[in-house]
Amino acid sequence: MTILVTGGAGYIGSHCVQQLLAAGQKVCVIDNLSRGHREAVPSQASFFQLDLGETDELIDVMKSQRIEKVIHFAALAYVGESVENPLPYYANNTAGTLSLLQAMRQSRVSQIVFSSTCATYGIPEQIPVTEESAQTPINPYGWSKLFIEQILTDCASSYPNFGFIGLRYFNVAGCAMNGSLGEDHSPETHLIPNCLNTVLGKQSHVTILGNDYPTADGTCIRDYIHVEDICRAHLLALNALTPQANRFYNVGLGSGFSVLDVVKTTEQVTGREIPVEYQARRPGDPPMLSASHEKITRELGWSPRHTSLTEIIESAWNWFQKHPDGYQSQGQGPTTSPGDSGEQT
């Protein structure tokens, strides 16, 4: 069986490719490399530089590579950018997925694991968030993913043998435990990499948006899940796929860490002080977000293995020390022997 991984040169996608290869799967990656890194794709995986909108080319790949199932990560995933410039998010995320699904139909590929997001929930009324929580996105990124969820639901209801599983999660963090893969975004918006970039002298300070929330230290609390735990959830979902499957799961720790928790733990891990600058709250940011993983634990047997914030940050620091310039650093790229390793893609 050959698995197609869209966005397989991205942060989460590349870690998932590594896990698939370690599990003995044949893997084919497509990525337009607009935000991914060719160096992040292990040599054992076949690679095609394609955009999601290139339907005919996708069909050619699916047929020539004998694709049987798809894991779909490819997406634009900056919340702020989606507010400032929404059209590319609907074009790439929503319309791009339509193109992918059309290519799957033409190629008789009928099962897909979809990397969704807890941004579809908007500002939840209760914490932790469950799969039954109301979905009311507050930004185009969240809407672009929720539209895809509806499209997949409709396909499962209409097309014989079409099945999907969608995974929703909050803050993905950390790097491959074997040090072979890491996080390399431009621009970088994630908290842990920005803390580490400050330690490395690549920026002068870490900006914290709001220190007057009703939390113990006044900063937001978020559910940080290690990238390898996210990827294991995708592999379990892949194995659980059945014709006409129509399921969604939240993936998270079920608890969270505050922004200051992350800063202070990073200081402890690195032994360096991190200057902090406080600014006003960002509109729409709730004080606390965490996702219940009760359903995926009960139905798929998933549970997080890397629950320590220290461990998560240590895995990232290991990568950042060796790759201060990301995949452009000397000695870049994954090892040839994949190790045990899923806002966003």
C-alpha atoms as a PDB file:
ATOM      1  CA  MET A   1       0.000   0.000   0.000  1.00  0.00           C
ATOM      2  CA  THR A   2       1.306   3.455  -0.912  1.00  0.00           C
ATOM      3  CA  ILE A   3       0.204   6.426   1.185  1.00  0.00           C
ATOM      4  CA  LEU A   4       0.019   9.895  -0.351  1.00  0.00           C
ATOM      5  CA  VAL A   5       0.968  12.649   2.111  1.00  0.00           C
ATOM      6  CA  THR A   6       0.043  16.145   0.975  1.00  0.00           C
ATOM      7  CA  GLY A   7       2.169  18.856   2.567  1.00  0.00           C
ATOM      8  CA  GLY A   8       4.718  16.184   3.432  1.00  0.00           C
ATOM      9  CA  ALA A   9       7.592  18.679   3.315  1.00  0.00           C
ATOM     10  CA  GLY A  10       6.003  20.786   6.057  1.00  0.00           C
ATOM     11  CA  TYR A  11       6.498  20.680   9.810  1.00  0.00           C
ATOM     12  CA  ILE A  12       3.889  18.094  10.808  1.00  0.00           C
ATOM     13  CA  GLY A  13       3.764  16.387   7.420  1.00  0.00           C
ATOM     14  CA  SER A  14       7.483  15.566   7.363  1.00  0.00           C
ATOM     15  CA  HIS A  15       7.331  14.055  10.849  1.00  0.00           C
ATOM     16  CA  CYS A  16       4.366  11.951   9.745  1.00  0.00           C
ATOM     17  CA  VAL A  17       6.230  10.753   6.646  1.00  0.00           C
ATOM     18  CA  GLN A  18       9.077   9.645   8.886  1.00  0.00           C
ATOM     19  CA  GLN A  19       6.700   7.650  11.093  1.00  0.00           C
ATOM     20  CA  LEU A  20       5.032   6.029   8.087  1.00  0.00           C
ATOM     21  CA  LEU A  21       8.392   4.919   6.704  1.00  0.00           C
ATOM     22  CA  ALA A  22       9.420   3.596  10.108  1.00  0.00           C
ATOM     23  CA  ALA A  23       6.194   1.547  10.104  1.00  0.00           C
ATOM     24  CA  GLY A  24       7.167  -0.023   6.782  1.00  0.00           C
ATOM     25  CA  GLN A  25       4.761   1.938   4.585  1.00  0.00           C
ATOM     26  CA  LYS A  26       5.516   3.115   1.066  1.00  0.00           C
ATOM     27  CA  VAL A  27       5.083   6.895   0.975  1.00  0.00           C
ATOM     28  CA  CYS A  28       4.566   9.436  -1.765  1.00  0.00           C
ATOM     29  CA  VAL A  29       4.805  13.145  -0.912  1.00  0.00           C
ATOM     30  CA  ILE A  30       3.378  16.121  -2.757  1.00  0.00           C
ATOM     31  CA  ASP A  31       4.205  19.659  -1.680  1.00  0.00           C
ATOM     32  CA  ASN A  32       4.429  22.945  -3.573  1.00  0.00           C
ATOM     33  CA  LEU A  33       7.347  23.979  -1.287  1.00  0.00           C
ATOM     34  CA  SER A  34       5.849  27.432  -0.758  1.00  0.00           C
ATOM     35  CA  ARG A  35       6.327  26.863   2.973  1.00  0.00           C
ATOM     36  CA  GLY A  36       7.745  23.361   3.188  1.00  0.00           C
ATOM     37  CA  HIS A  37      11.328  22.180   2.814  1.00  0.00           C
ATOM     38  CA  ARG A  38      12.502  19.610   0.296  1.00  0.00           C
ATOM     39  CA  GLU A  39      15.305  18.689   2.737  1.00  0.00           C
ATOM     40  CA  ALA A  40      12.691  17.556   5.271  1.00  0.00           C
ATOM     41  CA  VAL A  41      11.471  14.718   3.034  1.00  0.00           C
ATOM     42  CA  PRO A  42      13.360  11.456   3.662  1.00  0.00           C
ATOM     43  CA  SER A  43      14.991   9.950   0.599  1.00  0.00           C
ATOM     44  CA  GLN A  44      12.921   6.768   0.916  1.00  0.00           C
ATOM     45  CA  ALA A  45       9.744   8.670   0.006  1.00  0.00           C
ATOM     46  CA  SER A  46       8.945   9.581  -3.583  1.00  0.00           C
ATOM     47  CA  PHE A  47       8.432  13.325  -4.033  1.00  0.00           C
ATOM     48  CA  PHE A  48       6.460  15.473  -6.470  1.00  0.00           C
ATOM     49  CA  GLN A  49       6.457  19.264  -6.370  1.00  0.00           C
ATOM     50  CA  LEU A  50       2.805  19.996  -7.063  1.00  0.00           C
ATOM     51  CA  ASP A  51       0.109  22.442  -6.020  1.00  0.00           C
ATOM     52  CA  LEU A  52      -3.212  21.135  -4.740  1.00  0.00           C
ATOM     53  CA  GLY A  53      -4.973  22.907  -7.593  1.00  0.00           C
ATOM     54  CA  GLU A  54      -3.164  20.858 -10.256  1.00  0.00           C
ATOM     55  CA  THR A  55      -5.898  18.250 -10.503  1.00  0.00           C
ATOM     56  CA  ASP A  56      -4.706  16.446 -13.636  1.00  0.00           C
ATOM     57  CA  GLU A  57      -1.161  16.163 -12.285  1.00  0.00           C
ATOM     58  CA  LEU A  58      -2.521  14.817  -9.001  1.00  0.00           C
ATOM     59  CA  ILE A  59      -4.431  12.173 -10.930  1.00  0.00           C
ATOM     60  CA  ASP A  60      -1.247  11.183 -12.764  1.00  0.00           C
ATOM     61  CA  VAL A  61       0.633  10.802  -9.479  1.00  0.00           C
ATOM     62  CA  MET A  62      -2.131   8.808  -7.810  1.00  0.00           C
ATOM     63  CA  LYS A  63      -2.348   6.397 -10.725  1.00  0.00           C
ATOM     64  CA  SER A  64       1.389   6.025 -11.379  1.00  0.00           C
ATOM     65  CA  GLN A  65       2.223   5.614  -7.681  1.00  0.00           C
ATOM     66  CA  ARG A  66      -0.754   3.325  -7.041  1.00  0.00           C
ATOM     67  CA  ILE A  67      -1.995   5.422  -4.136  1.00  0.00           C
ATOM     68  CA  GLU A  68      -4.463   3.675  -1.831  1.00  0.00           C
ATOM     69  CA  LYS A  69      -4.989   6.212   0.962  1.00  0.00           C
ATOM     70  CA  VAL A  70      -4.279   9.891   1.579  1.00  0.00           C
ATOM     71  CA  ILE A  71      -3.165  11.904   4.616  1.00  0.00           C
ATOM     72  CA  HIS A  72      -3.937  15.538   3.884  1.00  0.00           C
ATOM     73  CA  PHE A  73      -1.804  18.160   5.664  1.00  0.00           C
ATOM     74  CA  ALA A  74      -1.245  20.722   2.907  1.00  0.00           C
ATOM     75  CA  ALA A  75      -2.679  24.073   3.993  1.00  0.00           C
ATOM     76  CA  LEU A  76      -1.920  27.696   4.715  1.00  0.00           C
ATOM     77  CA  ALA A  77      -2.066  28.008   8.485  1.00  0.00           C
ATOM     78  CA  TYR A  78      -1.368  31.520   9.766  1.00  0.00           C
ATOM     79  CA  VAL A  79      -4.437  32.833  11.564  1.00  0.00           C
ATOM     80  CA  GLY A  80      -3.411  36.485  11.398  1.00  0.00           C
ATOM     81  CA  GLU A  81      -2.527  36.250   7.724  1.00  0.00           C
ATOM     82  CA  SER A  82      -5.905  34.688   6.987  1.00  0.00           C
ATOM     83  CA  VAL A  83      -7.616  37.724   8.512  1.00  0.00           C
ATOM     84  CA  GLU A  84      -5.496  40.176   6.525  1.00  0.00           C
ATOM     85  CA  ASN A  85      -5.692  38.226   3.256  1.00  0.00           C
ATOM     86  CA  PRO A  86      -8.476  35.599   3.311  1.00  0.00           C
ATOM     87  CA  LEU A  87      -8.745  34.700  -0.388  1.00  0.00           C
ATOM     88  CA  PRO A  88      -5.565  32.562  -0.565  1.00  0.00           C
ATOM     89  CA  TYR A  89      -6.858  30.562   2.403  1.00  0.00           C
ATOM     90  CA  TYR A  90     -10.100  29.693   0.688  1.00  0.00           C
ATOM     91  CA  ALA A  91      -8.299  29.106  -2.620  1.00  0.00           C
ATOM     92  CA  ASN A  92      -5.542  26.882  -1.229  1.00  0.00           C
ATOM     93  CA  ASN A  93      -7.226  25.196   1.730  1.00  0.00           C
ATOM     94  CA  THR A  94     -10.849  24.801   0.632  1.00  0.00           C
ATOM     95  CA  ALA A  95     -10.673  24.862  -3.183  1.00  0.00           C
ATOM     96  CA  GLY A  96      -7.364  22.975  -3.098  1.00  0.00           C
ATOM     97  CA  THR A  97      -8.979  20.183  -1.118  1.00  0.00           C
ATOM     98  CA  LEU A  98     -11.820  20.061  -3.644  1.00  0.00           C
ATOM     99  CA  SER A  99      -9.206  19.525  -6.354  1.00  0.00           C
ATOM    100  CA  LEU A 100      -7.582  16.778  -4.278  1.00  0.00           C
ATOM    101  CA  LEU A 101     -10.925  15.037  -3.747  1.00  0.00           C
ATOM    102  CA  GLN A 102     -11.723  15.263  -7.440  1.00  0.00           C
ATOM    103  CA  ALA A 103      -8.366  13.682  -8.237  1.00  0.00           C
ATOM    104  CA  MET A 104      -9.081  10.939  -5.705  1.00  0.00           C
ATOM    105  CA  ARG A 105     -12.449  10.231  -7.338  1.00  0.00           C
ATOM    106  CA  GLN A 106     -10.873  10.001 -10.784  1.00  0.00           C
ATOM    107  CA  SER A 107      -8.153   7.713  -9.438  1.00  0.00           C
ATOM    108  CA  ARG A 108     -10.478   5.488  -7.398  1.00  0.00           C
ATOM    109  CA  VAL A 109      -8.828   6.489  -4.118  1.00  0.00           C
ATOM    110  CA  SER A 110     -11.580   6.591  -1.535  1.00  0.00           C
ATOM    111  CA  GLN A 111     -10.090   7.034   1.946  1.00  0.00           C
ATOM    112  CA  ILE A 112      -8.467  10.087   3.528  1.00  0.00           C
ATOM    113  CA  VAL A 113      -7.228  11.305   6.907  1.00  0.00           C
ATOM    114  CA  PHE A 114      -7.731  15.063   7.154  1.00  0.00           C
ATOM    115  CA  SER A 115      -5.570  17.303   9.304  1.00  0.00           C
ATOM    116  CA  SER A 116      -8.116  19.817  10.588  1.00  0.00           C
ATOM    117  CA  THR A 117      -7.806  22.293  13.448  1.00  0.00           C
ATOM    118  CA  CYS A 118      -9.455  23.313  16.682  1.00  0.00           C
ATOM    119  CA  ALA A 119      -9.745  26.765  15.094  1.00  0.00           C
ATOM    120  CA  THR A 120     -13.080  25.454  13.794  1.00  0.00           C
ATOM    121  CA  TYR A 121     -14.406  25.814  17.360  1.00  0.00           C
ATOM    122  CA  GLY A 122     -13.735  29.553  17.557  1.00  0.00           C
ATOM    123  CA  ILE A 123     -14.052  30.686  21.174  1.00  0.00           C
ATOM    124  CA  PRO A 124     -15.391  27.622  23.036  1.00  0.00           C
ATOM    125  CA  GLU A 125     -18.062  28.040  25.666  1.00  0.00           C
ATOM    126  CA  GLN A 126     -16.585  25.301  27.832  1.00  0.00           C
ATOM    127  CA  ILE A 127     -13.160  23.784  28.462  1.00  0.00           C
ATOM    128  CA  PRO A 128     -11.917  21.215  27.634  1.00  0.00           C
ATOM    129  CA  VAL A 129     -13.325  21.264  24.120  1.00  0.00           C
ATOM    130  CA  THR A 130     -15.090  18.087  22.984  1.00  0.00           C
ATOM    131  CA  GLU A 131     -16.044  16.956  19.498  1.00  0.00           C
ATOM    132  CA  GLU A 132     -19.627  18.011  20.248  1.00  0.00           C
ATOM    133  CA  SER A 133     -18.662  21.612  21.046  1.00  0.00           C
ATOM    134  CA  ALA A 134     -20.186  24.248  18.762  1.00  0.00           C
ATOM    135  CA  GLN A 135     -18.095  25.093  15.713  1.00  0.00           C
ATOM    136  CA  THR A 136     -18.124  28.857  15.198  1.00  0.00           C
ATOM    137  CA  PRO A 137     -14.784  29.953  13.688  1.00  0.00           C
ATOM    138  CA  ILE A 138     -13.645  33.530  14.225  1.00  0.00           C
ATOM    139  CA  ASN A 139     -11.145  33.738  11.357  1.00  0.00           C
ATOM    140  CA  PRO A 140     -10.904  32.674   7.687  1.00  0.00           C
ATOM    141  CA  TYR A 141      -8.371  29.973   8.502  1.00  0.00           C
ATOM    142  CA  GLY A 142     -10.868  28.240  10.784  1.00  0.00           C
ATOM    143  CA  TRP A 143     -13.670  28.673   8.256  1.00  0.00           C
ATOM    144  CA  SER A 144     -11.537  27.283   5.417  1.00  0.00           C
ATOM    145  CA  LYS A 145     -11.024  24.102   7.428  1.00  0.00           C
ATOM    146  CA  LEU A 146     -14.636  23.861   8.603  1.00  0.00           C
ATOM    147  CA  PHE A 147     -15.835  24.070   4.991  1.00  0.00           C
ATOM    148  CA  ILE A 148     -13.573  21.111   4.207  1.00  0.00           C
ATOM    149  CA  GLU A 149     -15.063  19.168   7.106  1.00  0.00           C
ATOM    150  CA  GLN A 150     -18.532  19.728   5.657  1.00  0.00           C
ATOM    151  CA  ILE A 151     -17.406  18.688   2.179  1.00  0.00           C
ATOM    152  CA  LEU A 152     -15.915  15.473   3.551  1.00  0.00           C
ATOM    153  CA  THR A 153     -19.098  14.761   5.507  1.00  0.00           C
ATOM    154  CA  ASP A 154     -21.179  15.218   2.369  1.00  0.00           C
ATOM    155  CA  CYS A 155     -18.864  12.953   0.362  1.00  0.00           C
ATOM    156  CA  ALA A 156     -19.117  10.205   2.975  1.00  0.00           C
ATOM    157  CA  SER A 157     -22.905  10.422   2.776  1.00  0.00           C
ATOM    158  CA  SER A 158     -23.054  10.408  -1.020  1.00  0.00           C
ATOM    159  CA  TYR A 159     -20.244   8.262  -2.422  1.00  0.00           C
ATOM    160  CA  PRO A 160     -20.080   4.495  -1.787  1.00  0.00           C
ATOM    161  CA  ASN A 161     -16.820   3.412  -0.135  1.00  0.00           C
ATOM    162  CA  PHE A 162     -15.663   6.982   0.572  1.00  0.00           C
ATOM    163  CA  GLY A 163     -14.432   7.278   4.140  1.00  0.00           C
ATOM    164  CA  PHE A 164     -12.562   9.866   6.163  1.00  0.00           C
ATOM    165  CA  ILE A 165     -11.306  10.672   9.632  1.00  0.00           C
ATOM    166  CA  GLY A 166     -10.593  14.271  10.625  1.00  0.00           C
ATOM    167  CA  LEU A 167      -8.278  15.287  13.467  1.00  0.00           C
ATOM    168  CA  ARG A 168      -8.588  18.627  15.276  1.00  0.00           C
ATOM    169  CA  TYR A 169      -5.797  19.952  17.471  1.00  0.00           C
ATOM    170  CA  PHE A 170      -4.409  23.155  18.969  1.00  0.00           C
ATOM    171  CA  ASN A 171      -0.713  23.957  19.472  1.00  0.00           C
ATOM    172  CA  VAL A 172       1.700  21.468  17.932  1.00  0.00           C
ATOM    173  CA  ALA A 173       5.189  21.724  19.418  1.00  0.00           C
ATOM    174  CA  GLY A 174       8.567  20.041  19.669  1.00  0.00           C
ATOM    175  CA  CYS A 175      10.766  18.276  17.139  1.00  0.00           C
ATOM    176  CA  ALA A 176      11.660  14.680  16.290  1.00  0.00           C
ATOM    177  CA  MET A 177      13.039  12.959  19.365  1.00  0.00           C
ATOM    178  CA  ASN A 178      15.924  11.533  17.296  1.00  0.00           C
ATOM    179  CA  GLY A 179      16.902  15.056  16.205  1.00  0.00           C
ATOM    180  CA  SER A 180      16.402  14.355  12.516  1.00  0.00           C
ATOM    181  CA  LEU A 181      13.530  16.774  11.819  1.00  0.00           C
ATOM    182  CA  GLY A 182      12.470  20.112  13.191  1.00  0.00           C
ATOM    183  CA  GLU A 183      10.361  23.225  12.971  1.00  0.00           C
ATOM    184  CA  ASP A 184      11.355  25.822  10.377  1.00  0.00           C
ATOM    185  CA  HIS A 185       8.753  28.472   9.518  1.00  0.00           C
ATOM    186  CA  SER A 186       9.114  31.858   7.884  1.00  0.00           C
ATOM    187  CA  PRO A 187       7.742  33.941   9.437  1.00  0.00           C
ATOM    188  CA  GLU A 188       7.816  32.096  12.751  1.00  0.00           C
ATOM    189  CA  THR A 189       4.699  32.670  14.847  1.00  0.00           C
ATOM    190  CA  HIS A 190       4.885  29.769  17.308  1.00  0.00           C
ATOM    191  CA  LEU A 191       5.887  30.491  20.895  1.00  0.00           C
ATOM    192  CA  ILE A 192       8.503  27.814  21.560  1.00  0.00           C
ATOM    193  CA  PRO A 193      10.545  28.493  18.393  1.00  0.00           C
ATOM    194  CA  ASN A 194      10.407  32.215  19.118  1.00  0.00           C
ATOM    195  CA  CYS A 195      11.704  31.577  22.638  1.00  0.00           C
ATOM    196  CA  LEU A 196      14.542  29.489  21.221  1.00  0.00           C
ATOM    197  CA  ASN A 197      15.307  32.030  18.493  1.00  0.00           C
ATOM    198  CA  THR A 198      15.630  34.639  21.249  1.00  0.00           C
ATOM    199  CA  VAL A 199      18.066  32.395  23.113  1.00  0.00           C
ATOM    200  CA  LEU A 200      20.067  32.004  19.889  1.00  0.00           C
ATOM    201  CA  GLY A 201      20.212  35.778  19.452  1.00  0.00           C
ATOM    202  CA  LYS A 202      18.097  35.828  16.309  1.00  0.00           C
ATOM    203  CA  GLN A 203      15.610  38.200  17.939  1.00  0.00           C
ATOM    204  CA  SER A 204      15.847  40.531  20.903  1.00  0.00           C
ATOM    205  CA  HIS A 205      12.843  39.400  22.942  1.00  0.00           C
ATOM    206  CA  VAL A 206       9.627  37.412  23.058  1.00  0.00           C
ATOM    207  CA  THR A 207       6.387  39.355  22.716  1.00  0.00           C
ATOM    208  CA  ILE A 208       3.531  38.279  24.962  1.00  0.00           C
ATOM    209  CA  LEU A 209       0.073  39.480  23.987  1.00  0.00           C
ATOM    210  CA  GLY A 210      -1.734  40.165  27.240  1.00  0.00           C
ATOM    211  CA  ASN A 211      -0.786  39.589  30.876  1.00  0.00           C
ATOM    212  CA  ASP A 212      -4.153  40.422  32.436  1.00  0.00           C
ATOM    213  CA  TYR A 213      -6.070  37.225  31.748  1.00  0.00           C
ATOM    214  CA  PRO A 214      -7.907  35.467  34.620  1.00  0.00           C
ATOM    215  CA  THR A 215      -5.180  32.830  34.942  1.00  0.00           C
ATOM    216  CA  ALA A 216      -2.594  32.195  37.663  1.00  0.00           C
ATOM    217  CA  ASP A 217       0.116  34.304  35.981  1.00  0.00           C
ATOM    218  CA  GLY A 218      -2.108  36.492  33.797  1.00  0.00           C
ATOM    219  CA  THR A 219      -1.084  34.915  30.475  1.00  0.00           C
ATOM    220  CA  CYS A 220      -3.051  32.639  28.159  1.00  0.00           C
ATOM    221  CA  ILE A 221      -3.061  28.876  28.719  1.00  0.00           C
ATOM    222  CA  ARG A 222      -2.843  26.605  25.694  1.00  0.00           C
ATOM    223  CA  ASP A 223      -2.786  22.868  25.015  1.00  0.00           C
ATOM    224  CA  TYR A 224       0.654  21.977  23.631  1.00  0.00           C
ATOM    225  CA  ILE A 225       0.907  18.578  21.962  1.00  0.00           C
ATOM    226  CA  HIS A 226       4.171  17.059  20.757  1.00  0.00           C
ATOM    227  CA  VAL A 227       4.450  16.716  16.988  1.00  0.00           C
ATOM    228  CA  GLU A 228       5.255  13.007  17.245  1.00  0.00           C
ATOM    229  CA  ASP A 229       2.099  12.390  19.278  1.00  0.00           C
ATOM    230  CA  ILE A 230       0.070  14.209  16.614  1.00  0.00           C
ATOM    231  CA  CYS A 231       1.618  12.011  13.935  1.00  0.00           C
ATOM    232  CA  ARG A 232       0.853   8.816  15.853  1.00  0.00           C
ATOM    233  CA  ALA A 233      -2.772   9.927  15.942  1.00  0.00           C
ATOM    234  CA  HIS A 234      -2.730  10.264  12.154  1.00  0.00           C
ATOM    235  CA  LEU A 235      -1.285   6.775  11.732  1.00  0.00           C
ATOM    236  CA  LEU A 236      -3.894   5.288  14.061  1.00  0.00           C
ATOM    237  CA  ALA A 237      -6.598   7.108  12.106  1.00  0.00           C
ATOM    238  CA  LEU A 238      -5.136   5.766   8.857  1.00  0.00           C
ATOM    239  CA  ASN A 239      -5.339   2.206  10.161  1.00  0.00           C
ATOM    240  CA  ALA A 240      -8.901   2.786  11.393  1.00  0.00           C
ATOM    241  CA  LEU A 241     -10.215   4.064   8.055  1.00  0.00           C
ATOM    242  CA  THR A 242     -13.156   2.129   6.637  1.00  0.00           C
ATOM    243  CA  PRO A 243     -15.514   2.727   3.705  1.00  0.00           C
ATOM    244  CA  GLN A 244     -18.026   5.474   4.576  1.00  0.00           C
ATOM    245  CA  ALA A 245     -16.178   6.349   7.795  1.00  0.00           C
ATOM    246  CA  ASN A 246     -17.274   9.778   8.986  1.00  0.00           C
ATOM    247  CA  ARG A 247     -15.466  10.607  12.215  1.00  0.00           C
ATOM    248  CA  PHE A 248     -13.756  13.527  13.909  1.00  0.00           C
ATOM    249  CA  TYR A 249     -11.391  13.409  16.866  1.00  0.00           C
ATOM    250  CA  ASN A 250      -9.771  16.025  19.050  1.00  0.00           C
ATOM    251  CA  VAL A 251      -6.081  15.493  19.782  1.00  0.00           C
ATOM    252  CA  GLY A 252      -4.539  17.177  22.812  1.00  0.00           C
ATOM    253  CA  LEU A 253      -3.228  16.756  26.333  1.00  0.00           C
ATOM    254  CA  GLY A 254      -6.531  17.759  27.903  1.00  0.00           C
ATOM    255  CA  SER A 255      -4.706  20.422  29.928  1.00  0.00           C
ATOM    256  CA  GLY A 256      -2.474  23.350  29.155  1.00  0.00           C
ATOM    257  CA  PHE A 257       0.549  25.501  29.940  1.00  0.00           C
ATOM    258  CA  SER A 258       0.608  29.261  30.184  1.00  0.00           C
ATOM    259  CA  VAL A 259       2.724  31.475  27.950  1.00  0.00           C
ATOM    260  CA  LEU A 260       4.942  32.298  30.929  1.00  0.00           C
ATOM    261  CA  ASP A 261       5.208  28.577  31.745  1.00  0.00           C
ATOM    262  CA  VAL A 262       6.690  28.087  28.289  1.00  0.00           C
ATOM    263  CA  VAL A 263       9.096  31.026  28.645  1.00  0.00           C
ATOM    264  CA  LYS A 264      10.315  29.945  32.087  1.00  0.00           C
ATOM    265  CA  THR A 265      10.678  26.287  31.100  1.00  0.00           C
ATOM    266  CA  THR A 266      12.658  27.309  28.018  1.00  0.00           C
ATOM    267  CA  GLU A 267      14.954  29.335  30.277  1.00  0.00           C
ATOM    268  CA  GLN A 268      15.466  26.259  32.464  1.00  0.00           C
ATOM    269  CA  VAL A 269      16.147  23.967  29.487  1.00  0.00           C
ATOM    270  CA  THR A 270      18.587  26.342  27.779  1.00  0.00           C
ATOM    271  CA  GLY A 271      20.113  27.966  30.855  1.00  0.00           C
ATOM    272  CA  ARG A 272      19.562  31.393  29.272  1.00  0.00           C
ATOM    273  CA  GLU A 273      17.375  34.320  30.240  1.00  0.00           C
ATOM    274  CA  ILE A 274      14.652  35.311  27.757  1.00  0.00           C
ATOM    275  CA  PRO A 275      13.678  39.015  27.648  1.00  0.00           C
ATOM    276  CA  VAL A 276       9.917  39.510  27.470  1.00  0.00           C
ATOM    277  CA  GLU A 277       7.877  42.432  26.133  1.00  0.00           C
ATOM    278  CA  TYR A 278       4.186  42.649  26.958  1.00  0.00           C
ATOM    279  CA  GLN A 279       1.645  44.068  24.544  1.00  0.00           C
ATOM    280  CA  ALA A 280      -2.151  44.347  24.565  1.00  0.00           C
ATOM    281  CA  ARG A 281      -4.330  41.285  24.208  1.00  0.00           C
ATOM    282  CA  ARG A 282      -5.110  40.074  20.712  1.00  0.00           C
ATOM    283  CA  PRO A 283      -8.865  40.348  20.048  1.00  0.00           C
ATOM    284  CA  GLY A 284     -10.642  36.999  20.286  1.00  0.00           C
ATOM    285  CA  ASP A 285      -7.991  35.182  22.324  1.00  0.00           C
ATOM    286  CA  PRO A 286      -9.714  33.219  25.113  1.00  0.00           C
ATOM    287  CA  PRO A 287      -7.893  32.844  28.460  1.00  0.00           C
ATOM    288  CA  MET A 288      -7.645  29.060  28.173  1.00  0.00           C
ATOM    289  CA  LEU A 289      -7.920  26.412  25.473  1.00  0.00           C
ATOM    290  CA  SER A 290      -7.545  22.662  25.812  1.00  0.00           C
ATOM    291  CA  ALA A 291      -8.931  19.676  23.948  1.00  0.00           C
ATOM    292  CA  SER A 292     -10.456  16.552  25.423  1.00  0.00           C
ATOM    293  CA  HIS A 293      -8.883  13.404  23.954  1.00  0.00           C
ATOM    294  CA  GLU A 294     -11.351  11.021  25.601  1.00  0.00           C
ATOM    295  CA  LYS A 295     -12.968   9.969  22.313  1.00  0.00           C
ATOM    296  CA  ILE A 296      -9.771   9.173  20.384  1.00  0.00           C
ATOM    297  CA  THR A 297      -8.394   7.345  23.416  1.00  0.00           C
ATOM    298  CA  ARG A 298     -11.549   5.261  23.723  1.00  0.00           C
ATOM    299  CA  GLU A 299     -12.005   4.484  20.016  1.00  0.00           C
ATOM    300  CA  LEU A 300      -8.453   4.419  18.597  1.00  0.00           C
ATOM    301  CA  GLY A 301      -6.345   3.740  21.682  1.00  0.00           C
ATOM    302  CA  TRP A 302      -4.338   6.958  21.341  1.00  0.00           C
ATOM    303  CA  SER A 303      -2.817   8.766  24.305  1.00  0.00           C
ATOM    304  CA  PRO A 304      -0.006  11.329  24.429  1.00  0.00           C
ATOM    305  CA  ARG A 305       3.443   9.999  25.256  1.00  0.00           C
ATOM    306  CA  HIS A 306       5.256  13.319  25.588  1.00  0.00           C
ATOM    307  CA  THR A 307       3.285  15.152  28.258  1.00  0.00           C
ATOM    308  CA  SER A 308       6.126  17.040  29.950  1.00  0.00           C
ATOM    309  CA  LEU A 309       6.639  20.625  28.796  1.00  0.00           C
ATOM    310  CA  THR A 310      10.321  20.198  29.611  1.00  0.00           C
ATOM    311  CA  GLU A 311      10.566  17.172  27.321  1.00  0.00           C
ATOM    312  CA  ILE A 312       8.740  18.971  24.509  1.00  0.00           C
ATOM    313  CA  ILE A 313      11.063  21.975  24.711  1.00  0.00           C
ATOM    314  CA  GLU A 314      14.178  19.801  25.056  1.00  0.00           C
ATOM    315  CA  SER A 315      13.316  18.066  21.777  1.00  0.00           C
ATOM    316  CA  ALA A 316      12.973  21.449  20.070  1.00  0.00           C
ATOM    317  CA  TRP A 317      16.173  22.828  21.629  1.00  0.00           C
ATOM    318  CA  ASN A 318      18.074  19.783  20.377  1.00  0.00           C
ATOM    319  CA  TRP A 319      17.020  20.627  16.819  1.00  0.00           C
ATOM    320  CA  PHE A 320      17.492  24.400  17.073  1.00  0.00           C
ATOM    321  CA  GLN A 321      21.029  24.115  18.475  1.00  0.00           C
ATOM    322  CA  LYS A 322      22.086  21.935  15.558  1.00  0.00           C
ATOM    323  CA  HIS A 323      20.073  23.888  12.963  1.00  0.00           C
ATOM    324  CA  PRO A 324      20.099  27.572  13.978  1.00  0.00           C
ATOM    325  CA  ASP A 325      19.160  28.488  10.420  1.00  0.00           C
ATOM    326  CA  GLY A 326      16.644  25.699  10.003  1.00  0.00           C
ATOM    327  CA  TYR A 327      17.052  23.458   6.988  1.00  0.00           C
ATOM    328  CA  GLN A 328      19.529  25.947   5.524  1.00  0.00           C
ATOM    329  CA  SER A 329      22.007  25.035   8.269  1.00  0.00           C
ATOM    330  CA  GLN A 330      24.987  22.853   7.408  1.00  0.00           C
ATOM    331  CA  GLY A 331      24.251  19.199   8.023  1.00  0.00           C
ATOM    332  CA  GLN A 332      20.564  19.754   7.333  1.00  0.00           C
ATOM    333  CA  GLY A 333      18.015  17.121   6.496  1.00  0.00           C
ATOM    334  CA  PRO A 334      16.606  13.963   8.027  1.00  0.00           C
ATOM    335  CA  THR A 335      18.586  10.845   8.730  1.00  0.00           C
ATOM    336  CA  THR A 336      18.340   8.036   6.214  1.00  0.00           C
ATOM    337  CA  SER A 337      17.005   5.713   8.878  1.00  0.00           C
ATOM    338  CA  PRO A 338      13.613   7.082  10.048  1.00  0.00           C
ATOM    339  CA  GLY A 339      13.054   7.082  13.770  1.00  0.00           C
ATOM    340  CA  ASP A 340       9.926   6.752  15.844  1.00  0.00           C
ATOM    341  CA  SER A 341       8.234   9.873  15.716  1.00  0.00           C
ATOM    342  CA  GLY A 342       1.401  15.047  14.242  1.00  0.00           C
ATOM    343  CA  GLU A 343      -1.363  25.706  14.200  1.00  0.00           C
ATOM    344  CA  GLN A 344      -1.081  23.410  12.395  1.00  0.00           C
ATOM    345  CA  THR A 345       0.372  21.977   9.237  1.00  0.00           C
END
